[in-house]
């Protein structure tokens, strides 16, 4: 990415990786704000612009992902889907549909498993295999990566950065993956929403179907509060400068993102 790194780089230690992952799991507001400026992964993005990134893990699913895409389309929102390579192989038309509708597809590994437990060589092969599958189907190589279960080792982070990807966690995560109480989870997300937030949601399995009504409730409330949902890469491009103002930065040599080009669309009524 052109310009200075999104988040200040430095020595990556096991302690750093643990603190960053803990911030994502516990969702501590002060720790999230600190890491948003100083860590080596994307937890949240420092910006004054009223933009947030909705992200979905573990798809594509033959039923849920098309429903999510339709819901996003009705509300004029864009998002980032961290797809599994195995799912992209089984449902290539859904991955293509996501990109054609302006969304971003990120790398979430080949299978739904904790990345932190994988040996280094297996992890690197897994990331590469998934990236190839995504690029073969969508025509665009993924630029963002989220480790399975959200935990990672320092060497894994170094590898992800070395291949030109940003490692993305999140600042607001719905930890009840089956969303047993939609109203409660919508209220939880809205309480923690702030400019530059990265919201983590899950799909990919039938028992997570309530993510669709959650999204139906969440998007109108986000719009009412003045927020726009953009892709992670677009959120990174809106990072704040030293004075807290949002500024743009190109994500590719031509100044555009290869995935996700529909940010800022008006909701359909």
Protein backbone atom coordinates (compact mmCIF):
# COMPACT_ATOMS: atom_id res chain seq x y z
CA UNK A 1 0.00 0.00 0.00
CA UNK A 2 1.35 3.40 -0.92
CA UNK A 3 2.27 5.93 1.74
CA UNK A 4 3.01 5.23 5.38
CA UNK A 5 1.67 1.98 6.85
CA UNK A 6 -1.87 2.05 8.16
CA UNK A 7 -0.72 1.04 11.62
CA UNK A 8 2.73 1.75 12.97
CA UNK A 9 5.02 -1.18 12.34
CA UNK A 10 7.61 -2.41 14.77
CA UNK A 11 9.00 -5.53 16.37
CA UNK A 12 6.32 -8.21 16.36
CA UNK A 13 6.52 -10.39 19.46
CA UNK A 14 4.39 -13.17 20.90
CA UNK A 15 3.24 -10.71 23.55
CA UNK A 16 2.15 -8.24 20.87
CA UNK A 17 0.15 -10.90 19.07
CA UNK A 18 -1.53 -11.96 22.31
CA UNK A 19 -2.43 -8.40 23.29
CA UNK A 20 -3.91 -7.65 19.87
CA UNK A 21 -5.98 -10.82 19.86
CA UNK A 22 -7.13 -10.17 23.43
CA UNK A 23 -8.29 -6.71 22.42
CA UNK A 24 -10.42 -8.21 19.68
CA UNK A 25 -11.91 -10.85 21.98
CA UNK A 26 -12.56 -8.62 25.01
CA UNK A 27 -13.41 -5.60 22.87
CA UNK A 28 -11.96 -3.13 25.36
CA UNK A 29 -12.65 0.36 23.93
CA UNK A 30 -9.47 1.99 25.26
CA UNK A 31 -7.25 -0.91 24.15
CA UNK A 32 -8.91 -0.96 20.74
CA UNK A 33 -8.26 2.77 20.30
CA UNK A 34 -4.63 2.32 21.31
CA UNK A 35 -4.06 -0.60 18.98
CA UNK A 36 -5.88 1.18 16.18
CA UNK A 37 -3.01 3.66 16.15
CA UNK A 38 -0.04 1.54 17.17
CA UNK A 39 -0.47 -2.14 16.37
CA UNK A 40 0.67 -4.04 13.31
CA UNK A 41 -2.75 -5.46 12.48
CA UNK A 42 -6.07 -3.84 11.64
CA UNK A 43 -8.30 -3.83 14.71
CA UNK A 44 -9.99 -0.51 13.94
CA UNK A 45 -8.97 2.38 11.71
CA UNK A 46 -8.34 5.88 13.08
CA UNK A 47 -10.59 8.18 11.08
CA UNK A 48 -13.04 10.99 11.68
CA UNK A 49 -15.18 9.90 8.73
CA UNK A 50 -18.51 8.21 9.61
CA UNK A 51 -17.53 4.91 8.00
CA UNK A 52 -17.32 1.39 9.40
CA UNK A 53 -16.54 -2.02 7.90
CA UNK A 54 -18.96 -4.91 8.22
CA UNK A 55 -17.16 -8.24 7.85
CA UNK A 56 -18.49 -11.79 7.53
CA UNK A 57 -16.47 -14.93 8.26
CA UNK A 58 -16.67 -18.57 7.13
CA UNK A 59 -18.67 -18.33 3.89
CA UNK A 60 -19.63 -18.73 1.21
CA UNK A 61 -22.79 -20.61 2.16
CA UNK A 62 -25.30 -21.59 -0.57
CA UNK A 63 -28.25 -20.06 1.34
CA UNK A 64 -26.98 -17.52 3.84
CA UNK A 65 -24.44 -15.67 1.69
CA UNK A 66 -26.95 -14.82 -1.10
CA UNK A 67 -29.39 -13.60 1.58
CA UNK A 68 -26.69 -11.40 3.09
CA UNK A 69 -25.78 -10.05 -0.34
CA UNK A 70 -29.43 -9.23 -1.06
CA UNK A 71 -29.80 -7.47 2.30
CA UNK A 72 -26.67 -5.40 1.77
CA UNK A 73 -27.88 -4.46 -1.71
CA UNK A 74 -31.27 -3.28 -0.43
CA UNK A 75 -29.58 -1.00 2.06
CA UNK A 76 -26.86 0.30 -0.25
CA UNK A 77 -24.08 -1.15 1.90
CA UNK A 78 -20.80 -2.81 1.04
CA UNK A 79 -18.91 -5.33 3.16
CA UNK A 80 -15.91 -7.63 3.29
CA UNK A 81 -16.40 -11.40 3.19
CA UNK A 82 -13.58 -13.47 4.66
CA UNK A 83 -14.25 -16.61 2.65
CA UNK A 84 -12.85 -20.10 3.19
CA UNK A 85 -11.01 -21.46 0.18
CA UNK A 86 -12.94 -24.72 0.34
CA UNK A 87 -16.21 -22.79 0.19
CA UNK A 88 -15.04 -20.74 -2.78
CA UNK A 89 -14.17 -23.99 -4.56
CA UNK A 90 -17.66 -25.42 -3.86
CA UNK A 91 -19.62 -22.22 -4.56
CA UNK A 92 -17.60 -20.13 -7.04
CA UNK A 93 -20.69 -18.35 -8.37
CA UNK A 94 -21.36 -16.87 -4.93
CA UNK A 95 -17.82 -15.54 -4.58
CA UNK A 96 -18.10 -14.01 -8.05
CA UNK A 97 -21.46 -12.47 -7.14
CA UNK A 98 -19.99 -10.86 -4.02
CA UNK A 99 -17.25 -9.12 -6.02
CA UNK A 100 -19.54 -8.20 -8.91
CA UNK A 101 -21.85 -6.49 -6.41
CA UNK A 102 -19.01 -4.35 -5.11
CA UNK A 103 -17.95 -6.27 -2.02
CA UNK A 104 -14.47 -7.33 -1.01
CA UNK A 105 -13.37 -10.94 -0.61
CA UNK A 106 -10.68 -11.62 1.97
CA UNK A 107 -8.67 -14.73 2.77
CA UNK A 108 -9.80 -16.80 5.79
CA UNK A 109 -7.80 -19.93 5.07
CA UNK A 110 -8.92 -23.12 3.39
CA UNK A 111 -10.91 -24.60 6.27
CA UNK A 112 -12.56 -23.24 9.42
CA UNK A 113 -9.79 -24.02 11.91
CA UNK A 114 -7.54 -22.10 14.31
CA UNK A 115 -4.65 -20.69 12.31
CA UNK A 116 -2.46 -20.37 15.41
CA UNK A 117 -2.24 -24.18 15.70
CA UNK A 118 -0.91 -24.69 12.18
CA UNK A 119 2.81 -25.29 11.56
CA UNK A 120 4.44 -22.45 9.65
CA UNK A 121 4.87 -24.30 6.37
CA UNK A 122 1.29 -25.61 6.44
CA UNK A 123 -0.04 -22.15 7.28
CA UNK A 124 1.80 -20.51 4.40
CA UNK A 125 0.63 -23.17 1.95
CA UNK A 126 -2.93 -22.79 3.22
CA UNK A 127 -2.92 -19.02 2.73
CA UNK A 128 -1.46 -19.38 -0.77
CA UNK A 129 -3.95 -22.08 -1.79
CA UNK A 130 -6.89 -19.97 -0.65
CA UNK A 131 -5.56 -16.85 -2.36
CA UNK A 132 -5.18 -18.75 -5.64
CA UNK A 133 -8.74 -20.07 -5.40
CA UNK A 134 -10.16 -16.60 -4.74
CA UNK A 135 -8.20 -15.00 -7.56
CA UNK A 136 -9.10 -17.77 -10.01
CA UNK A 137 -12.81 -17.31 -9.32
CA UNK A 138 -13.10 -13.53 -8.82
CA UNK A 139 -10.21 -12.24 -10.91
CA UNK A 140 -8.78 -10.32 -7.96
CA UNK A 141 -6.23 -11.50 -5.42
CA UNK A 142 -7.26 -10.93 -1.78
CA UNK A 143 -5.55 -8.04 -0.03
CA UNK A 144 -6.83 -8.73 3.49
CA UNK A 145 -6.49 -11.83 5.67
CA UNK A 146 -8.20 -12.88 8.88
CA UNK A 147 -6.77 -15.86 10.80
CA UNK A 148 -9.10 -18.67 11.79
CA UNK A 149 -10.40 -18.10 15.36
CA UNK A 150 -8.67 -14.70 15.42
CA UNK A 151 -5.41 -15.85 17.01
CA UNK A 152 -2.04 -15.86 15.27
CA UNK A 153 1.67 -16.27 15.88
CA UNK A 154 4.22 -13.53 15.15
CA UNK A 155 5.69 -15.50 12.25
CA UNK A 156 2.26 -15.83 10.69
CA UNK A 157 1.74 -12.07 10.88
CA UNK A 158 5.13 -11.47 9.30
CA UNK A 159 4.26 -13.84 6.45
CA UNK A 160 0.88 -12.19 5.81
CA UNK A 161 2.53 -8.77 5.64
CA UNK A 162 5.36 -10.11 3.46
CA UNK A 163 2.87 -11.22 0.78
CA UNK A 164 1.30 -7.77 0.75
CA UNK A 165 -1.81 -8.48 2.83
CA UNK A 166 -3.19 -6.71 5.89
CA UNK A 167 -4.06 -8.96 8.83
CA UNK A 168 -7.52 -7.90 10.00
CA UNK A 169 -9.21 -8.67 13.32
CA UNK A 170 -11.98 -6.34 14.48
CA UNK A 171 -13.15 -3.94 17.17
CA UNK A 172 -16.78 -5.06 17.53
CA UNK A 173 -17.52 -8.79 17.41
CA UNK A 174 -20.80 -10.61 17.91
CA UNK A 175 -19.49 -13.55 19.91
CA UNK A 176 -22.81 -15.43 19.94
CA UNK A 177 -22.32 -16.86 16.46
CA UNK A 178 -25.87 -18.22 16.29
CA UNK A 179 -27.34 -14.82 17.32
CA UNK A 180 -29.94 -16.33 19.67
CA UNK A 181 -31.27 -12.85 20.55
CA UNK A 182 -31.20 -10.54 17.55
CA UNK A 183 -32.27 -7.40 19.45
CA UNK A 184 -29.57 -7.88 22.08
CA UNK A 185 -26.81 -8.29 19.52
CA UNK A 186 -27.98 -5.31 17.43
CA UNK A 187 -27.96 -3.15 20.56
CA UNK A 188 -24.50 -4.45 21.48
CA UNK A 189 -23.04 -3.52 18.08
CA UNK A 190 -24.67 -0.08 18.06
CA UNK A 191 -23.34 0.72 21.55
CA UNK A 192 -19.78 0.04 20.45
CA UNK A 193 -19.95 1.49 16.96
CA UNK A 194 -17.64 4.43 16.26
CA UNK A 195 -15.91 5.82 13.15
CA UNK A 196 -13.37 3.33 11.84
CA UNK A 197 -14.87 0.30 13.59
CA UNK A 198 -14.50 -3.17 12.09
CA UNK A 199 -17.55 -5.31 12.90
CA UNK A 200 -17.12 -9.10 12.95
CA UNK A 201 -20.11 -11.30 12.04
CA UNK A 202 -20.30 -14.97 11.09
CA UNK A 203 -22.12 -16.98 8.47
CA UNK A 204 -21.15 -20.18 6.64
CA UNK A 205 -23.45 -22.57 8.55
CA UNK A 206 -27.19 -23.05 8.73
CA UNK A 207 -27.27 -22.55 12.50
CA UNK A 208 -25.99 -19.00 11.95
CA UNK A 209 -29.02 -18.01 9.82
CA UNK A 210 -30.08 -15.31 12.30
CA UNK A 211 -27.21 -13.15 11.07
CA UNK A 212 -29.61 -12.17 8.27
CA UNK A 213 -32.33 -10.63 10.51
CA UNK A 214 -29.55 -9.10 12.60
CA UNK A 215 -28.28 -7.37 9.47
CA UNK A 216 -31.81 -6.29 8.52
CA UNK A 217 -32.15 -4.57 11.90
CA UNK A 218 -28.61 -3.22 12.08
CA UNK A 219 -28.26 -1.47 8.72
CA UNK A 220 -31.22 0.97 9.08
CA UNK A 221 -30.00 1.92 12.56
CA UNK A 222 -26.48 2.51 11.24
CA UNK A 223 -27.87 4.76 8.51
CA UNK A 224 -29.98 6.62 11.08
CA UNK A 225 -26.84 7.33 13.09
CA UNK A 226 -25.06 8.59 9.97
CA UNK A 227 -22.73 5.64 9.36
CA UNK A 228 -21.85 4.13 5.98
CA UNK A 229 -20.66 0.55 5.61
CA UNK A 230 -17.61 0.15 3.37
CA UNK A 231 -15.10 -2.59 2.66
CA UNK A 232 -12.07 -3.04 4.89
CA UNK A 233 -9.75 -1.82 2.15
CA UNK A 234 -11.90 1.28 1.67
CA UNK A 235 -11.90 1.86 5.42
CA UNK A 236 -8.11 1.66 5.42
CA UNK A 237 -8.06 4.28 2.65
CA UNK A 238 -10.08 6.62 4.90
CA UNK A 239 -7.61 6.47 7.76
CA UNK A 240 -7.02 9.70 9.64
CA UNK A 241 -3.98 11.87 9.38
CA UNK A 242 -2.18 13.21 12.44
CA UNK A 243 -4.87 15.85 13.00
CA UNK A 244 -7.74 13.36 13.11
CA UNK A 245 -9.06 14.22 9.64
CA UNK A 246 -9.95 11.49 7.21
CA UNK A 247 -7.67 11.32 4.23
CA UNK A 248 -7.53 9.04 1.22
CA UNK A 249 -4.66 6.84 0.16
CA UNK A 250 -4.43 4.66 -2.94
CA UNK A 251 -4.64 0.91 -2.49
CA UNK A 252 -3.15 0.11 -5.89
CA UNK A 253 -0.98 1.91 -8.44
CA UNK A 254 -4.01 3.38 -10.20
CA UNK A 255 -5.41 4.65 -6.89
CA UNK A 256 -8.30 2.21 -6.73
CA UNK A 257 -9.22 -0.93 -4.85
CA UNK A 258 -9.47 -4.06 -7.02
CA UNK A 259 -12.46 -5.23 -5.01
CA UNK A 260 -15.36 -3.30 -3.55
CA UNK A 261 -16.26 -0.28 -5.65
CA UNK A 262 -19.78 0.56 -4.54
CA UNK A 263 -19.20 2.33 -1.22
CA UNK A 264 -21.53 5.17 -0.47
CA UNK A 265 -24.49 3.90 -2.51
CA UNK A 266 -27.89 5.08 -1.38
CA UNK A 267 -30.22 2.50 0.19
CA UNK A 268 -32.97 1.14 -2.01
CA UNK A 269 -36.44 2.05 -0.83
